[in-house]
Amino acid sequence: MADTPAPAVPALPRRLLDTFFSPGKMVEAVAREPRWLGALLVSMVLVAISTALIPPELFAEVQRRAALQRGISPPPMSADTLRLIRIFSVAGGALAIGIISFVITGLYTLIFAFILGDEGTYRQYLAVMTHAMVIPSLLSLGLVPLRIETGDPQFTLSVGSFLVFLEPGYVLNVFRLLDLTQFWSSAVVALGVHQIDRRRGVGSAFAILFGFTLAVALIIARFLPTDR
């Protein structure tokens, strides 16, 4: 009896819906036939839109406060300068998603495929990663009002958002870097890591991903101001 051919990979809209509502189906499909470009472009567009919705004056104010903290008197912002700020912030946000996706996928491939010996390729991990990135990218649209209200264009719903009793400092900065939407994304990636190599359990994969995220937060928090 001839082998039953594998089902065709669902179209991009179906895969994106499955990312939220049936991630197991999505990771099974993209692990079997890695497709990543469409999902990456969707994330880049979503981030560009959410950034464009933030007034450029807010980015200018952040730059002004940073200059004052360094003891520099910032020059006044003209209308042309504000337009440039909007253009560069929108383009930079979208470009950052692409860079982050490729770099983090490389690190995941190094950890799982080379160090831990899982049977996976860069393209497989990239396909899972780019689909999972759609989660925080889409949810960033819902955070726009909070970013405007708080005056922080980089505001995220993090563990630190709920730890209001902590004094400003290194520990609070670490918790602020633990983005809750990234936990959801990491859970989807963990499902993908398991699907790529069934010997790797979902719980084991998620623990490794969380450890990686925590390690990055511990490092980055060292370079953040501790007075807010």
C-alpha atoms as a PDB file:
ATOM      1  CA  MET A   1       0.000   0.000   0.000  1.00  0.00           C
ATOM      2  CA  ALA A   2       1.347   3.379  -0.950  1.00  0.00           C
ATOM      3  CA  ASP A   3       2.124   5.778   1.848  1.00  0.00           C
ATOM      4  CA  THR A   4      -0.560   8.367   2.475  1.00  0.00           C
ATOM      5  CA  PRO A   5       0.788  11.747   1.331  1.00  0.00           C
ATOM      6  CA  ALA A   6       1.201  14.361   4.006  1.00  0.00           C
ATOM      7  CA  PRO A   7      -1.566  16.970   4.063  1.00  0.00           C
ATOM      8  CA  ALA A   8      -0.805  20.282   2.443  1.00  0.00           C
ATOM      9  CA  VAL A   9       0.419  23.068   4.682  1.00  0.00           C
ATOM     10  CA  PRO A  10      -2.491  25.420   5.458  1.00  0.00           C
ATOM     11  CA  ALA A  11      -2.495  28.883   3.927  1.00  0.00           C
ATOM     12  CA  LEU A  12      -1.035  31.754   5.934  1.00  0.00           C
ATOM     13  CA  PRO A  13      -4.373  33.078   7.326  1.00  0.00           C
ATOM     14  CA  ARG A  14      -5.245  29.591   8.601  1.00  0.00           C
ATOM     15  CA  ARG A  15      -1.800  29.168  10.172  1.00  0.00           C
ATOM     16  CA  LEU A  16      -2.075  32.529  11.920  1.00  0.00           C
ATOM     17  CA  LEU A  17      -5.481  31.619  13.359  1.00  0.00           C
ATOM     18  CA  ASP A  18      -4.108  28.272  14.495  1.00  0.00           C
ATOM     19  CA  THR A  19      -1.214  30.059  16.205  1.00  0.00           C
ATOM     20  CA  PHE A  20      -3.723  31.563  18.634  1.00  0.00           C
ATOM     21  CA  PHE A  21      -6.437  28.926  18.810  1.00  0.00           C
ATOM     22  CA  SER A  22      -4.797  25.638  17.787  1.00  0.00           C
ATOM     23  CA  PRO A  23      -1.020  26.032  18.071  1.00  0.00           C
ATOM     24  CA  GLY A  24      -0.449  22.275  17.973  1.00  0.00           C
ATOM     25  CA  LYS A  25      -1.816  22.117  14.441  1.00  0.00           C
ATOM     26  CA  MET A  26       0.241  25.107  13.367  1.00  0.00           C
ATOM     27  CA  VAL A  27       3.571  23.801  14.668  1.00  0.00           C
ATOM     28  CA  GLU A  28       2.927  20.350  13.178  1.00  0.00           C
ATOM     29  CA  ALA A  29       2.421  21.931   9.768  1.00  0.00           C
ATOM     30  CA  VAL A  30       5.396  24.304   9.781  1.00  0.00           C
ATOM     31  CA  ALA A  31       7.741  21.750  11.362  1.00  0.00           C
ATOM     32  CA  ARG A  32       6.898  19.396   8.485  1.00  0.00           C
ATOM     33  CA  GLU A  33       7.212  22.095   5.817  1.00  0.00           C
ATOM     34  CA  PRO A  34       8.913  25.217   7.211  1.00  0.00           C
ATOM     35  CA  ARG A  35       7.307  28.415   6.001  1.00  0.00           C
ATOM     36  CA  TRP A  36       8.282  31.614   7.716  1.00  0.00           C
ATOM     37  CA  LEU A  37       8.325  34.647   5.399  1.00  0.00           C
ATOM     38  CA  GLY A  38       4.593  35.413   5.448  1.00  0.00           C
ATOM     39  CA  ALA A  39       4.347  35.219   9.240  1.00  0.00           C
ATOM     40  CA  LEU A  40       7.427  37.412   9.639  1.00  0.00           C
ATOM     41  CA  LEU A  41       6.013  40.078   7.304  1.00  0.00           C
ATOM     42  CA  VAL A  42       2.708  40.061   9.207  1.00  0.00           C
ATOM     43  CA  SER A  43       4.547  40.656  12.501  1.00  0.00           C
ATOM     44  CA  MET A  44       6.584  43.466  10.961  1.00  0.00           C
ATOM     45  CA  VAL A  45       3.446  45.155   9.620  1.00  0.00           C
ATOM     46  CA  LEU A  46       1.631  44.830  12.968  1.00  0.00           C
ATOM     47  CA  VAL A  47       4.551  46.364  14.857  1.00  0.00           C
ATOM     48  CA  ALA A  48       4.817  49.155  12.291  1.00  0.00           C
ATOM     49  CA  ILE A  49       1.103  49.950  12.716  1.00  0.00           C
ATOM     50  CA  SER A  50       1.243  49.936  16.514  1.00  0.00           C
ATOM     51  CA  THR A  51       4.294  52.219  16.415  1.00  0.00           C
ATOM     52  CA  ALA A  52       2.657  54.579  13.916  1.00  0.00           C
ATOM     53  CA  LEU A  53      -0.314  54.986  16.270  1.00  0.00           C
ATOM     54  CA  ILE A  54       1.926  56.481  18.961  1.00  0.00           C
ATOM     55  CA  PRO A  55       2.355  60.272  18.664  1.00  0.00           C
ATOM     56  CA  PRO A  56       5.915  61.205  17.641  1.00  0.00           C
ATOM     57  CA  GLU A  57       5.894  63.774  20.434  1.00  0.00           C
ATOM     58  CA  LEU A  58       6.006  60.868  22.871  1.00  0.00           C
ATOM     59  CA  PHE A  59       9.222  59.542  21.346  1.00  0.00           C
ATOM     60  CA  ALA A  60      10.614  63.081  21.374  1.00  0.00           C
ATOM     61  CA  GLU A  61       9.779  63.438  25.062  1.00  0.00           C
ATOM     62  CA  VAL A  62      11.590  60.198  25.858  1.00  0.00           C
ATOM     63  CA  GLN A  63      14.669  61.496  24.032  1.00  0.00           C
ATOM     64  CA  ARG A  64      14.376  64.821  25.863  1.00  0.00           C
ATOM     65  CA  ARG A  65      14.271  63.132  29.272  1.00  0.00           C
ATOM     66  CA  ALA A  66      17.234  60.937  28.368  1.00  0.00           C
ATOM     67  CA  ALA A  67      19.239  63.997  27.320  1.00  0.00           C
ATOM     68  CA  LEU A  68      18.396  65.803  30.568  1.00  0.00           C
ATOM     69  CA  GLN A  69      19.522  62.783  32.598  1.00  0.00           C
ATOM     70  CA  ARG A  70      22.888  63.007  30.842  1.00  0.00           C
ATOM     71  CA  GLY A  71      23.091  66.700  31.653  1.00  0.00           C
ATOM     72  CA  ILE A  72      22.512  67.778  28.054  1.00  0.00           C
ATOM     73  CA  SER A  73      20.106  70.550  27.120  1.00  0.00           C
ATOM     74  CA  PRO A  74      17.983  69.095  24.278  1.00  0.00           C
ATOM     75  CA  PRO A  75      17.238  71.327  21.280  1.00  0.00           C
ATOM     76  CA  PRO A  76      13.613  72.163  20.427  1.00  0.00           C
ATOM     77  CA  MET A  77      11.851  69.696  18.142  1.00  0.00           C
ATOM     78  CA  SER A  78      10.597  71.077  14.840  1.00  0.00           C
ATOM     79  CA  ALA A  79       7.756  69.615  12.801  1.00  0.00           C
ATOM     80  CA  ASP A  80      10.259  68.153  10.336  1.00  0.00           C
ATOM     81  CA  THR A  81      12.145  66.507  13.187  1.00  0.00           C
ATOM     82  CA  LEU A  82       8.952  64.955  14.519  1.00  0.00           C
ATOM     83  CA  ARG A  83       8.158  63.567  11.079  1.00  0.00           C
ATOM     84  CA  LEU A  84      11.612  62.002  10.903  1.00  0.00           C
ATOM     85  CA  ILE A  85      11.146  60.534  14.366  1.00  0.00           C
ATOM     86  CA  ARG A  86       7.891  58.929  13.247  1.00  0.00           C
ATOM     87  CA  ILE A  87       9.473  57.501  10.085  1.00  0.00           C
ATOM     88  CA  PHE A  88      12.524  56.092  11.849  1.00  0.00           C
ATOM     89  CA  SER A  89      10.540  54.709  14.794  1.00  0.00           C
ATOM     90  CA  VAL A  90       8.068  52.915  12.520  1.00  0.00           C
ATOM     91  CA  ALA A  91      10.763  51.548  10.208  1.00  0.00           C
ATOM     92  CA  GLY A  92      13.052  50.713  13.108  1.00  0.00           C
ATOM     93  CA  GLY A  93      10.352  48.833  14.998  1.00  0.00           C
ATOM     94  CA  ALA A  94       9.498  46.715  11.976  1.00  0.00           C
ATOM     95  CA  LEU A  95      13.154  46.054  11.172  1.00  0.00           C
ATOM     96  CA  ALA A  96      13.871  45.114  14.790  1.00  0.00           C
ATOM     97  CA  ILE A  97      11.274  42.334  14.620  1.00  0.00           C
ATOM     98  CA  GLY A  98      13.050  40.810  11.642  1.00  0.00           C
ATOM     99  CA  ILE A  99      16.488  41.047  13.257  1.00  0.00           C
ATOM    100  CA  ILE A 100      15.239  39.646  16.557  1.00  0.00           C
ATOM    101  CA  SER A 101      13.528  36.734  14.829  1.00  0.00           C
ATOM    102  CA  PHE A 102      16.682  35.688  12.964  1.00  0.00           C
ATOM    103  CA  VAL A 103      19.033  36.181  15.929  1.00  0.00           C
ATOM    104  CA  ILE A 104      16.842  34.449  18.518  1.00  0.00           C
ATOM    105  CA  THR A 105      16.189  31.572  16.118  1.00  0.00           C
ATOM    106  CA  GLY A 106      19.941  31.179  15.718  1.00  0.00           C
ATOM    107  CA  LEU A 107      20.346  30.995  19.491  1.00  0.00           C
ATOM    108  CA  TYR A 108      17.501  28.474  19.802  1.00  0.00           C
ATOM    109  CA  THR A 109      19.077  26.354  17.056  1.00  0.00           C
ATOM    110  CA  LEU A 110      22.408  26.516  18.866  1.00  0.00           C
ATOM    111  CA  ILE A 111      20.823  25.447  22.152  1.00  0.00           C
ATOM    112  CA  PHE A 112      18.497  22.705  20.965  1.00  0.00           C
ATOM    113  CA  ALA A 113      20.148  21.328  17.826  1.00  0.00           C
ATOM    114  CA  PHE A 114      23.850  21.748  18.587  1.00  0.00           C
ATOM    115  CA  ILE A 115      24.188  21.736  22.372  1.00  0.00           C
ATOM    116  CA  LEU A 116      21.296  19.444  23.355  1.00  0.00           C
ATOM    117  CA  GLY A 117      21.372  17.300  20.222  1.00  0.00           C
ATOM    118  CA  ASP A 118      17.771  17.693  19.044  1.00  0.00           C
ATOM    119  CA  GLU A 119      17.044  16.844  15.416  1.00  0.00           C
ATOM    120  CA  GLY A 120      15.996  20.203  14.040  1.00  0.00           C
ATOM    121  CA  THR A 121      17.063  22.680  11.390  1.00  0.00           C
ATOM    122  CA  TYR A 122      17.341  26.448  11.470  1.00  0.00           C
ATOM    123  CA  ARG A 123      14.452  26.745   9.001  1.00  0.00           C
ATOM    124  CA  GLN A 124      12.178  24.651  11.212  1.00  0.00           C
ATOM    125  CA  TYR A 125      12.910  26.730  14.297  1.00  0.00           C
ATOM    126  CA  LEU A 126      12.583  29.926  12.254  1.00  0.00           C
ATOM    127  CA  ALA A 127       9.158  28.867  10.962  1.00  0.00           C
ATOM    128  CA  VAL A 128       7.934  28.199  14.505  1.00  0.00           C
ATOM    129  CA  MET A 129       9.532  31.373  15.853  1.00  0.00           C
ATOM    130  CA  THR A 130       8.069  33.718  13.237  1.00  0.00           C
ATOM    131  CA  HIS A 131       4.568  32.364  13.749  1.00  0.00           C
ATOM    132  CA  ALA A 132       4.883  32.654  17.530  1.00  0.00           C
ATOM    133  CA  MET A 133       6.093  36.257  17.143  1.00  0.00           C
ATOM    134  CA  VAL A 134       2.710  37.176  15.675  1.00  0.00           C
ATOM    135  CA  ILE A 135       1.245  36.848  19.197  1.00  0.00           C
ATOM    136  CA  PRO A 136       3.133  39.741  20.879  1.00  0.00           C
ATOM    137  CA  SER A 137       3.053  41.710  17.613  1.00  0.00           C
ATOM    138  CA  LEU A 138      -0.748  41.604  17.432  1.00  0.00           C
ATOM    139  CA  LEU A 139      -1.212  42.224  21.140  1.00  0.00           C
ATOM    140  CA  SER A 140       1.030  45.289  20.851  1.00  0.00           C
ATOM    141  CA  LEU A 141      -1.889  47.033  19.118  1.00  0.00           C
ATOM    142  CA  GLY A 142      -3.940  46.689  22.288  1.00  0.00           C
ATOM    143  CA  LEU A 143      -1.115  48.219  24.345  1.00  0.00           C
ATOM    144  CA  VAL A 144      -1.041  51.460  22.342  1.00  0.00           C
ATOM    145  CA  PRO A 145      -3.489  53.301  24.664  1.00  0.00           C
ATOM    146  CA  LEU A 146      -1.458  52.242  27.720  1.00  0.00           C
ATOM    147  CA  ARG A 147       1.766  53.392  26.091  1.00  0.00           C
ATOM    148  CA  ILE A 148       0.258  56.786  25.385  1.00  0.00           C
ATOM    149  CA  GLU A 149      -1.256  57.019  28.873  1.00  0.00           C
ATOM    150  CA  THR A 150       1.984  56.082  30.641  1.00  0.00           C
ATOM    151  CA  GLY A 151       4.148  58.184  28.344  1.00  0.00           C
ATOM    152  CA  ASP A 152       6.307  55.136  27.663  1.00  0.00           C
ATOM    153  CA  PRO A 153       6.340  54.002  23.996  1.00  0.00           C
ATOM    154  CA  GLN A 154       8.101  50.789  25.084  1.00  0.00           C
ATOM    155  CA  PHE A 155       5.568  49.879  27.765  1.00  0.00           C
ATOM    156  CA  THR A 156       4.750  46.180  27.954  1.00  0.00           C
ATOM    157  CA  LEU A 157       2.453  44.129  30.154  1.00  0.00           C
ATOM    158  CA  SER A 158       5.112  42.409  32.219  1.00  0.00           C
ATOM    159  CA  VAL A 159       5.475  40.622  35.524  1.00  0.00           C
ATOM    160  CA  GLY A 160       6.760  43.912  36.924  1.00  0.00           C
ATOM    161  CA  SER A 161       3.468  45.621  36.033  1.00  0.00           C
ATOM    162  CA  PHE A 162       1.846  43.784  38.935  1.00  0.00           C
ATOM    163  CA  LEU A 163       4.680  44.187  41.461  1.00  0.00           C
ATOM    164  CA  VAL A 164       3.825  47.749  42.438  1.00  0.00           C
ATOM    165  CA  PHE A 165       5.152  47.156  45.963  1.00  0.00           C
ATOM    166  CA  LEU A 166       8.743  46.767  44.743  1.00  0.00           C
ATOM    167  CA  GLU A 167      11.099  49.709  45.000  1.00  0.00           C
ATOM    168  CA  PRO A 168      12.710  50.914  41.760  1.00  0.00           C
ATOM    169  CA  GLY A 169      15.946  49.083  41.174  1.00  0.00           C
ATOM    170  CA  TYR A 170      17.603  46.105  39.544  1.00  0.00           C
ATOM    171  CA  VAL A 171      15.111  43.489  40.728  1.00  0.00           C
ATOM    172  CA  LEU A 172      12.131  45.473  39.455  1.00  0.00           C
ATOM    173  CA  ASN A 173      13.915  46.034  36.138  1.00  0.00           C
ATOM    174  CA  VAL A 174      14.334  42.262  35.747  1.00  0.00           C
ATOM    175  CA  PHE A 175      10.617  41.685  36.317  1.00  0.00           C
ATOM    176  CA  ARG A 176       9.771  44.500  33.886  1.00  0.00           C
ATOM    177  CA  LEU A 177      11.694  42.662  31.190  1.00  0.00           C
ATOM    178  CA  LEU A 178       9.630  39.497  31.674  1.00  0.00           C
ATOM    179  CA  ASP A 179       6.918  40.272  29.137  1.00  0.00           C
ATOM    180  CA  LEU A 180       3.742  38.234  29.661  1.00  0.00           C
ATOM    181  CA  THR A 181       2.961  38.137  25.956  1.00  0.00           C
ATOM    182  CA  GLN A 182       6.388  36.599  25.391  1.00  0.00           C
ATOM    183  CA  PHE A 183       5.486  33.784  27.798  1.00  0.00           C
ATOM    184  CA  TRP A 184       2.561  32.922  25.555  1.00  0.00           C
ATOM    185  CA  SER A 185       4.827  33.095  22.536  1.00  0.00           C
ATOM    186  CA  SER A 186       7.418  30.900  24.279  1.00  0.00           C
ATOM    187  CA  ALA A 187       4.756  28.293  25.043  1.00  0.00           C
ATOM    188  CA  VAL A 188       3.991  28.072  21.314  1.00  0.00           C
ATOM    189  CA  VAL A 189       7.698  27.810  20.517  1.00  0.00           C
ATOM    190  CA  ALA A 190       8.001  25.017  23.111  1.00  0.00           C
ATOM    191  CA  LEU A 191       5.231  23.127  21.296  1.00  0.00           C
ATOM    192  CA  GLY A 192       7.174  23.612  18.080  1.00  0.00           C
ATOM    193  CA  VAL A 193      10.436  22.375  19.605  1.00  0.00           C
ATOM    194  CA  HIS A 194       8.603  19.233  20.744  1.00  0.00           C
ATOM    195  CA  GLN A 195       7.047  18.752  17.304  1.00  0.00           C
ATOM    196  CA  ILE A 196      10.425  19.139  15.576  1.00  0.00           C
ATOM    197  CA  ASP A 197      11.929  16.434  17.784  1.00  0.00           C
ATOM    198  CA  ARG A 198       9.418  14.356  19.762  1.00  0.00           C
ATOM    199  CA  ARG A 199      12.117  13.288  22.204  1.00  0.00           C
ATOM    200  CA  ARG A 200      12.069  16.830  23.616  1.00  0.00           C
ATOM    201  CA  GLY A 201       9.123  17.241  25.980  1.00  0.00           C
ATOM    202  CA  VAL A 202       7.044  20.423  25.891  1.00  0.00           C
ATOM    203  CA  GLY A 203       7.720  21.114  29.564  1.00  0.00           C
ATOM    204  CA  SER A 204      11.448  20.637  29.096  1.00  0.00           C
ATOM    205  CA  ALA A 205      11.478  22.944  26.080  1.00  0.00           C
ATOM    206  CA  PHE A 206       9.495  25.648  27.891  1.00  0.00           C
ATOM    207  CA  ALA A 207      11.797  25.454  30.937  1.00  0.00           C
ATOM    208  CA  ILE A 208      14.823  25.952  28.694  1.00  0.00           C
ATOM    209  CA  LEU A 209      13.162  28.861  26.879  1.00  0.00           C
ATOM    210  CA  PHE A 210      12.165  30.487  30.165  1.00  0.00           C
ATOM    211  CA  GLY A 211      15.693  30.059  31.497  1.00  0.00           C
ATOM    212  CA  PHE A 212      17.042  31.720  28.359  1.00  0.00           C
ATOM    213  CA  THR A 213      14.560  34.620  28.711  1.00  0.00           C
ATOM    214  CA  LEU A 214      15.425  35.055  32.384  1.00  0.00           C
ATOM    215  CA  ALA A 215      19.155  35.049  31.664  1.00  0.00           C
ATOM    216  CA  VAL A 216      18.704  37.770  29.026  1.00  0.00           C
ATOM    217  CA  ALA A 217      16.584  39.829  31.444  1.00  0.00           C
ATOM    218  CA  LEU A 218      19.213  39.505  34.195  1.00  0.00           C
ATOM    219  CA  ILE A 219      21.877  40.810  31.816  1.00  0.00           C
ATOM    220  CA  ILE A 220      19.898  43.659  30.235  1.00  0.00           C
ATOM    221  CA  ALA A 221      18.583  44.868  33.614  1.00  0.00           C
ATOM    222  CA  ARG A 222      22.163  45.683  34.598  1.00  0.00           C
ATOM    223  CA  PHE A 223      22.230  48.450  32.002  1.00  0.00           C
ATOM    224  CA  LEU A 224      18.852  50.013  32.777  1.00  0.00           C
ATOM    225  CA  PRO A 225      18.397  53.025  35.074  1.00  0.00           C
ATOM    226  CA  THR A 226      17.398  52.035  38.611  1.00  0.00           C
ATOM    227  CA  ASP A 227      15.788  55.320  39.679  1.00  0.00           C
ATOM    228  CA  ARG A 228      12.317  54.775  38.231  1.00  0.00           C
END
